Protein backbone atom coordinates (compact mmCIF):
# COMPACT_ATOMS: atom_id res chain seq x y z
CA MET A 1 140.85 71.73 -75.28
CA ALA A 2 144.57 71.42 -75.92
CA THR A 3 145.75 72.37 -79.54
CA ASP A 4 149.34 71.42 -79.42
CA SER A 5 148.28 67.79 -80.13
CA GLY A 6 146.89 68.60 -83.46
CA LEU A 7 143.25 67.28 -82.43
CA LEU A 8 141.72 70.68 -82.95
CA GLY A 9 142.64 70.94 -86.64
CA ASN A 10 142.48 68.01 -88.72
CA GLU A 11 141.17 65.17 -86.33
CA LEU A 12 138.01 67.11 -85.21
CA LEU A 13 137.10 67.80 -88.75
CA GLY A 14 137.74 64.08 -89.79
CA SER A 15 135.10 62.35 -87.83
CA ARG A 16 131.55 63.24 -86.54
CA LEU A 17 130.91 64.00 -82.93
CA PHE A 18 128.99 60.71 -82.36
CA GLU A 19 131.69 58.61 -84.02
CA ARG A 20 134.23 60.07 -81.64
CA LEU A 21 131.89 59.31 -78.82
CA ALA A 22 131.31 55.80 -79.91
CA ALA A 23 135.23 55.15 -80.00
CA PRO A 24 136.97 57.38 -77.25
CA ASP A 25 139.88 55.17 -77.24
CA GLN A 26 140.49 55.09 -80.96
CA PRO A 27 144.14 56.44 -81.56
CA VAL A 28 144.56 59.72 -83.37
CA GLN A 29 145.42 59.10 -87.02
CA ARG A 30 148.83 60.77 -87.67
CA LYS A 31 149.69 59.77 -91.51
CA GLU A 32 148.23 62.09 -94.06
CA GLY A 33 146.97 59.17 -96.08
CA ASP A 34 145.42 57.52 -93.19
CA GLU A 35 143.47 60.80 -92.16
CA LEU A 36 142.31 61.17 -95.80
CA ILE A 37 140.75 57.77 -95.81
CA GLY A 38 139.30 58.21 -92.53
CA VAL A 39 137.66 61.35 -93.44
CA VAL A 40 136.43 60.04 -96.67
CA GLU A 41 134.97 56.94 -94.80
CA SER A 42 133.27 59.05 -92.27
CA VAL A 43 131.77 61.27 -95.03
CA LYS A 44 130.32 58.02 -96.74
CA ARG A 45 128.85 56.90 -93.65
CA HIS A 46 127.02 60.30 -93.16
CA LEU A 47 125.98 60.39 -96.64
CA VAL A 48 124.25 57.11 -96.40
CA GLU A 49 122.47 58.14 -93.22
CA LEU A 50 121.75 61.73 -94.83
CA LEU A 51 120.32 60.51 -98.23
CA ASN A 52 118.37 57.84 -96.74
CA SER A 53 116.41 60.24 -94.55
CA HIS A 54 113.38 61.91 -95.53
CA PRO A 55 112.22 65.51 -94.86
CA GLY A 56 109.95 65.64 -91.65
CA ASN A 57 111.71 63.06 -89.79
CA SER A 58 114.06 65.19 -87.95
CA ALA A 59 112.63 67.44 -85.30
CA CYS A 60 115.65 69.93 -85.45
CA ALA A 61 116.10 70.01 -89.10
CA PRO A 62 112.69 69.51 -90.76
CA GLU A 63 114.00 69.75 -94.32
CA LEU A 64 116.99 67.18 -93.70
CA GLY A 65 117.13 64.34 -96.19
CA LEU A 66 115.53 63.59 -99.85
CA LEU A 67 111.98 63.25 -101.13
CA ASP A 68 110.75 59.93 -102.21
CA PHE A 69 111.08 60.04 -106.04
CA ASN A 70 108.61 57.24 -106.86
CA ASP A 71 106.35 59.50 -108.94
CA ALA A 72 105.43 57.68 -112.17
CA THR A 73 104.62 60.73 -113.97
CA ILE A 74 108.22 61.91 -113.95
CA GLY A 75 110.14 60.90 -117.16
CA VAL A 76 113.65 58.98 -116.72
CA LEU A 77 115.73 61.94 -117.66
CA ASP A 78 113.87 64.36 -115.56
CA LEU A 79 113.89 61.78 -112.58
CA GLU A 80 117.62 61.48 -112.95
CA ARG A 81 118.12 65.44 -113.19
CA ASN A 82 115.75 65.81 -110.09
CA VAL A 83 117.55 63.29 -107.96
CA GLN A 84 120.99 64.69 -108.91
CA GLN A 85 119.97 68.21 -107.81
CA ALA A 86 118.34 66.98 -104.60
CA ILE A 87 121.42 64.90 -103.77
CA CYS A 88 123.78 67.89 -104.50
CA GLN A 89 121.58 70.30 -102.34
CA CYS A 90 121.24 68.01 -99.33
CA ILE A 91 124.94 67.42 -99.33
CA GLU A 92 125.85 70.94 -99.59
CA ARG A 93 123.35 71.86 -97.00
CA TYR A 94 123.99 69.16 -94.37
CA GLU A 95 127.67 67.84 -94.77
CA PRO A 96 129.90 70.64 -93.52
CA ARG A 97 132.99 68.93 -94.48
CA VAL A 98 132.60 68.87 -98.22
CA LYS A 99 132.22 71.95 -100.70
CA ARG A 100 131.72 72.46 -104.32
CA VAL A 101 129.49 69.35 -104.85
CA GLU A 102 129.00 68.22 -108.29
CA VAL A 103 126.75 65.13 -108.82
CA GLU A 104 126.63 63.23 -112.16
CA SER A 105 124.43 60.29 -113.12
CA LEU A 106 126.23 57.12 -114.38
CA PRO A 107 124.94 54.28 -116.67
CA ASN A 108 122.90 51.58 -114.82
CA HIS A 109 124.51 48.82 -116.55
CA GLY A 110 121.09 47.32 -117.78
CA ASP A 111 119.28 47.41 -114.50
CA PRO A 112 116.47 49.80 -114.96
CA LEU A 113 115.69 49.72 -111.00
CA GLN A 114 118.88 51.21 -110.11
CA LEU A 115 120.33 54.68 -110.34
CA ARG A 116 123.82 55.25 -109.90
CA PHE A 117 125.62 58.55 -109.29
CA GLN A 118 128.96 59.87 -108.90
CA VAL A 119 129.65 62.70 -106.30
CA HIS A 120 132.73 64.96 -106.78
CA ALA A 121 133.43 67.34 -103.76
CA THR A 122 136.29 69.09 -102.25
CA VAL A 123 136.84 67.72 -98.74
CA ALA A 124 138.18 69.91 -95.99
CA LEU A 125 141.18 68.35 -93.92
CA GLY A 126 141.97 71.15 -91.43
CA ARG A 127 143.75 73.75 -93.51
CA GLU A 128 144.06 71.65 -96.64
CA ASN A 129 141.49 70.54 -99.13
CA THR A 130 141.49 67.48 -101.35
CA GLN A 131 139.14 66.25 -104.05
CA ALA A 132 137.15 63.12 -103.43
CA THR A 133 134.83 61.05 -105.71
CA ILE A 134 132.17 59.00 -103.98
CA ASP A 135 130.00 56.53 -106.13
CA LEU A 136 126.32 56.19 -104.98
CA LEU A 137 123.77 53.48 -105.97
CA LEU A 138 119.97 53.99 -105.19
CA ASN A 139 118.60 50.33 -105.22
CA ASN A 140 115.47 49.43 -103.70
CA LYS A 141 114.61 53.12 -102.35
CA ARG A 142 117.98 53.02 -100.28
CA TYR A 143 121.12 54.89 -101.07
CA GLN A 144 124.47 53.16 -100.57
CA CYS A 145 128.09 54.19 -101.34
CA LEU A 146 130.16 51.92 -103.35
CA ASN A 147 133.84 51.21 -102.92
């Protein structure tokens, strides 16, 4: 691998292996803002896949994913706290491009069947780090990132 083109530093950290394999002709992002947007979008896509996975579904990483939190005996506040902790631990363990993850619960805007969370994390961009905030919605047993 050549290191003079800058591919080894920032670009390789920006996208995941399968994303690079799926688009081998994609041009290298050169602008700092474009690179940040690309990395955050890649992290968002990975978080959706990661958080919608369940333990036991991956042979190479049996603990990958989140448990199903549909236990009716857990109180609402305990449920939110448990989900917050599980999201934080899952991201810290399986998303190497982020560090110092904090997850906070957001108001559900009157819909009791939805849980909203905000993830605050430091995103690694080669030698640089930047703060990112990602809004998550748990709706109908599926996590999705909001724009």
